[in-house]
Amino acid sequence: MGFRLIGITAAVLGSGLLAGSVPMLAPKAALAQDAPVPFSAVRALNLARNTAVQLNGGLNVYRPAKCMFETAGAGNQCLISSSDGYQFRFLGGVPGWQQLNIAPSVETEIRISSDGKSVLGVDYNGAPR
């Protein structure tokens, strides 16, 4: 019986399931990280999106473009300027407009303060130009 236990232990150890199992697992590749997005940019994106939702009748009738739900990093297509505060330009429409390939009904351009806490102005909120 002792011999059988040693045989099972050796088989388990050899498969890497007990001792030494950590080195047997392939480590996940480290993801390349972009520079962290400032908290003010995240706050600005949220404020711009929520302001547009309020201006256009609420979530029951209006949804901003998908880019307004993504990160506020430099690669966001809705962020058109971040030199003196944050300026966003994005489309919107009825709920599901992007998923259903329905034409957008509203374009919004809005400026948010550099700290992301206040709306500096709504430059445009109307039919897509």
C-alpha atoms as a PDB file:
ATOM      1  CA  MET A   1       0.000   0.000   0.000  1.00  0.00           C
ATOM      2  CA  GLY A   2       2.886   2.365   0.743  1.00  0.00           C
ATOM      3  CA  PHE A   3       4.308   1.638  -2.684  1.00  0.00           C
ATOM      4  CA  ARG A   4       1.058   2.601  -4.376  1.00  0.00           C
ATOM      5  CA  LEU A   5       0.918   5.930  -2.477  1.00  0.00           C
ATOM      6  CA  ILE A   6       4.456   6.761  -3.562  1.00  0.00           C
ATOM      7  CA  GLY A   7       3.564   5.945  -7.164  1.00  0.00           C
ATOM      8  CA  ILE A   8       0.516   8.249  -7.074  1.00  0.00           C
ATOM      9  CA  THR A   9       2.507  11.014  -5.371  1.00  0.00           C
ATOM     10  CA  ALA A  10       5.250  10.755  -7.971  1.00  0.00           C
ATOM     11  CA  ALA A  11       2.704  10.868 -10.783  1.00  0.00           C
ATOM     12  CA  VAL A  12       0.987  13.927  -9.294  1.00  0.00           C
ATOM     13  CA  LEU A  13       4.278  15.687  -8.607  1.00  0.00           C
ATOM     14  CA  GLY A  14       5.540  14.865 -12.063  1.00  0.00           C
ATOM     15  CA  SER A  15       2.429  16.367 -13.648  1.00  0.00           C
ATOM     16  CA  GLY A  16       2.981  19.622 -11.777  1.00  0.00           C
ATOM     17  CA  LEU A  17      -0.312  19.472  -9.893  1.00  0.00           C
ATOM     18  CA  LEU A  18       1.177  19.791  -6.420  1.00  0.00           C
ATOM     19  CA  ALA A  19       4.663  20.918  -5.574  1.00  0.00           C
ATOM     20  CA  GLY A  20       6.196  22.893  -8.374  1.00  0.00           C
ATOM     21  CA  SER A  21       2.850  23.604 -10.034  1.00  0.00           C
ATOM     22  CA  VAL A  22       3.398  27.332 -10.177  1.00  0.00           C
ATOM     23  CA  PRO A  23       6.374  27.074 -12.552  1.00  0.00           C
ATOM     24  CA  MET A  24       4.417  24.588 -14.654  1.00  0.00           C
ATOM     25  CA  LEU A  25       1.680  27.141 -15.319  1.00  0.00           C
ATOM     26  CA  ALA A  26       2.388  29.425 -18.220  1.00  0.00           C
ATOM     27  CA  PRO A  27       2.479  33.025 -17.030  1.00  0.00           C
ATOM     28  CA  LYS A  28       0.086  35.402 -18.743  1.00  0.00           C
ATOM     29  CA  ALA A  29       1.810  37.785 -21.082  1.00  0.00           C
ATOM     30  CA  ALA A  30       2.137  41.231 -19.610  1.00  0.00           C
ATOM     31  CA  LEU A  31      -0.166  43.619 -21.404  1.00  0.00           C
ATOM     32  CA  ALA A  32       1.364  46.780 -22.704  1.00  0.00           C
ATOM     33  CA  GLN A  33      -0.042  49.602 -20.628  1.00  0.00           C
ATOM     34  CA  ASP A  34      -0.589  53.033 -22.044  1.00  0.00           C
ATOM     35  CA  ALA A  35      -0.026  56.025 -19.843  1.00  0.00           C
ATOM     36  CA  PRO A  36      -2.720  56.160 -17.176  1.00  0.00           C
ATOM     37  CA  VAL A  37      -5.719  58.328 -17.978  1.00  0.00           C
ATOM     38  CA  PRO A  38      -5.978  61.260 -15.567  1.00  0.00           C
ATOM     39  CA  PHE A  39      -8.946  61.124 -13.219  1.00  0.00           C
ATOM     40  CA  SER A  40     -10.023  64.549 -14.489  1.00  0.00           C
ATOM     41  CA  ALA A  41     -10.377  63.081 -18.007  1.00  0.00           C
ATOM     42  CA  VAL A  42     -12.588  60.271 -16.742  1.00  0.00           C
ATOM     43  CA  ARG A  43     -14.699  62.742 -14.785  1.00  0.00           C
ATOM     44  CA  ALA A  44     -14.924  65.050 -17.845  1.00  0.00           C
ATOM     45  CA  LEU A  45     -16.106  62.205 -20.097  1.00  0.00           C
ATOM     46  CA  ASN A  46     -18.768  61.188 -17.581  1.00  0.00           C
ATOM     47  CA  LEU A  47     -19.958  64.772 -17.139  1.00  0.00           C
ATOM     48  CA  ALA A  48     -20.116  65.379 -20.897  1.00  0.00           C
ATOM     49  CA  ARG A  49     -22.037  62.154 -21.490  1.00  0.00           C
ATOM     50  CA  ASN A  50     -24.496  62.736 -18.649  1.00  0.00           C
ATOM     51  CA  THR A  51     -25.061  66.357 -19.699  1.00  0.00           C
ATOM     52  CA  ALA A  52     -25.881  65.250 -23.249  1.00  0.00           C
ATOM     53  CA  VAL A  53     -28.272  62.601 -21.933  1.00  0.00           C
ATOM     54  CA  GLN A  54     -30.095  65.239 -19.858  1.00  0.00           C
ATOM     55  CA  LEU A  55     -30.182  67.749 -22.731  1.00  0.00           C
ATOM     56  CA  ASN A  56     -31.671  65.189 -25.081  1.00  0.00           C
ATOM     57  CA  GLY A  57     -34.477  63.792 -22.953  1.00  0.00           C
ATOM     58  CA  GLY A  58     -32.896  61.042 -20.843  1.00  0.00           C
ATOM     59  CA  LEU A  59     -31.823  57.464 -21.466  1.00  0.00           C
ATOM     60  CA  ASN A  60     -35.347  56.366 -22.403  1.00  0.00           C
ATOM     61  CA  VAL A  61     -35.155  58.329 -25.646  1.00  0.00           C
ATOM     62  CA  TYR A  62     -31.465  59.112 -26.243  1.00  0.00           C
ATOM     63  CA  ARG A  63     -28.123  57.302 -26.147  1.00  0.00           C
ATOM     64  CA  PRO A  64     -24.760  58.925 -26.841  1.00  0.00           C
ATOM     65  CA  ALA A  65     -22.233  57.252 -29.127  1.00  0.00           C
ATOM     66  CA  LYS A  66     -20.321  54.228 -27.885  1.00  0.00           C
ATOM     67  CA  CYS A  67     -17.121  56.262 -27.586  1.00  0.00           C
ATOM     68  CA  MET A  68     -18.704  58.182 -24.711  1.00  0.00           C
ATOM     69  CA  PHE A  69     -18.718  54.971 -22.670  1.00  0.00           C
ATOM     70  CA  GLU A  70     -15.042  54.188 -23.327  1.00  0.00           C
ATOM     71  CA  THR A  71     -11.924  55.551 -21.703  1.00  0.00           C
ATOM     72  CA  ALA A  72     -11.189  59.252 -21.899  1.00  0.00           C
ATOM     73  CA  GLY A  73      -7.667  58.551 -23.164  1.00  0.00           C
ATOM     74  CA  ALA A  74      -6.080  60.229 -26.141  1.00  0.00           C
ATOM     75  CA  GLY A  75      -7.323  57.491 -28.489  1.00  0.00           C
ATOM     76  CA  ASN A  76     -10.997  58.249 -27.836  1.00  0.00           C
ATOM     77  CA  GLN A  77     -12.547  59.483 -31.097  1.00  0.00           C
ATOM     78  CA  CYS A  78     -15.071  61.649 -29.206  1.00  0.00           C
ATOM     79  CA  LEU A  79     -12.343  63.661 -27.460  1.00  0.00           C
ATOM     80  CA  ILE A  80     -11.372  66.358 -29.928  1.00  0.00           C
ATOM     81  CA  SER A  81      -9.239  68.522 -27.640  1.00  0.00           C
ATOM     82  CA  SER A  82      -7.715  68.410 -24.183  1.00  0.00           C
ATOM     83  CA  SER A  83      -5.460  71.458 -24.350  1.00  0.00           C
ATOM     84  CA  ASP A  84      -7.547  73.841 -22.212  1.00  0.00           C
ATOM     85  CA  GLY A  85     -10.100  71.602 -20.568  1.00  0.00           C
ATOM     86  CA  TYR A  86     -11.798  68.811 -22.501  1.00  0.00           C
ATOM     87  CA  GLN A  87     -13.821  69.187 -25.669  1.00  0.00           C
ATOM     88  CA  PHE A  88     -15.990  66.329 -26.885  1.00  0.00           C
ATOM     89  CA  ARG A  89     -17.922  65.951 -30.150  1.00  0.00           C
ATOM     90  CA  PHE A  90     -20.165  62.935 -30.577  1.00  0.00           C
ATOM     91  CA  LEU A  91     -23.335  61.662 -32.158  1.00  0.00           C
ATOM     92  CA  GLY A  92     -26.371  60.229 -30.431  1.00  0.00           C
ATOM     93  CA  GLY A  93     -29.780  58.854 -31.165  1.00  0.00           C
ATOM     94  CA  VAL A  94     -32.565  56.555 -30.084  1.00  0.00           C
ATOM     95  CA  PRO A  95     -31.574  53.648 -27.812  1.00  0.00           C
ATOM     96  CA  GLY A  96     -29.827  51.014 -29.922  1.00  0.00           C
ATOM     97  CA  TRP A  97     -29.135  53.317 -32.845  1.00  0.00           C
ATOM     98  CA  GLN A  98     -25.539  52.131 -33.306  1.00  0.00           C
ATOM     99  CA  GLN A  99     -26.275  48.443 -32.841  1.00  0.00           C
ATOM    100  CA  LEU A 100     -29.199  48.585 -35.282  1.00  0.00           C
ATOM    101  CA  ASN A 101     -27.359  50.800 -37.804  1.00  0.00           C
ATOM    102  CA  ILE A 102     -29.928  53.589 -37.461  1.00  0.00           C
ATOM    103  CA  ALA A 103     -28.757  57.055 -38.446  1.00  0.00           C
ATOM    104  CA  PRO A 104     -27.926  59.293 -35.479  1.00  0.00           C
ATOM    105  CA  SER A 105     -30.361  62.112 -34.810  1.00  0.00           C
ATOM    106  CA  VAL A 106     -28.244  64.396 -32.609  1.00  0.00           C
ATOM    107  CA  GLU A 107     -24.709  65.754 -32.623  1.00  0.00           C
ATOM    108  CA  THR A 108     -23.330  67.274 -29.430  1.00  0.00           C
ATOM    109  CA  GLU A 109     -20.208  69.346 -28.923  1.00  0.00           C
ATOM    110  CA  ILE A 110     -19.466  70.176 -25.308  1.00  0.00           C
ATOM    111  CA  ARG A 111     -16.594  71.728 -23.355  1.00  0.00           C
ATOM    112  CA  ILE A 112     -15.676  70.555 -19.849  1.00  0.00           C
ATOM    113  CA  SER A 113     -13.290  72.228 -17.381  1.00  0.00           C
ATOM    114  CA  SER A 114      -9.738  70.899 -17.020  1.00  0.00           C
ATOM    115  CA  ASP A 115     -10.583  69.413 -13.612  1.00  0.00           C
ATOM    116  CA  GLY A 116     -13.589  67.632 -15.149  1.00  0.00           C
ATOM    117  CA  LYS A 117     -16.018  69.124 -12.649  1.00  0.00           C
ATOM    118  CA  SER A 118     -17.988  71.679 -14.653  1.00  0.00           C
ATOM    119  CA  VAL A 119     -19.512  72.263 -18.066  1.00  0.00           C
ATOM    120  CA  LEU A 120     -17.904  75.298 -19.693  1.00  0.00           C
ATOM    121  CA  GLY A 121     -20.330  75.327 -22.578  1.00  0.00           C
ATOM    122  CA  VAL A 122     -22.442  73.355 -24.985  1.00  0.00           C
ATOM    123  CA  ASP A 123     -21.224  74.599 -28.356  1.00  0.00           C
ATOM    124  CA  TYR A 124     -23.701  72.542 -30.366  1.00  0.00           C
ATOM    125  CA  ASN A 125     -26.568  70.189 -29.680  1.00  0.00           C
ATOM    126  CA  GLY A 126     -28.719  69.584 -32.711  1.00  0.00           C
ATOM    127  CA  ALA A 127     -29.081  67.711 -35.976  1.00  0.00           C
ATOM    128  CA  PRO A 128     -25.881  66.025 -37.183  1.00  0.00           C
ATOM    129  CA  ARG A 129     -23.831  68.416 -39.309  1.00  0.00           C
END
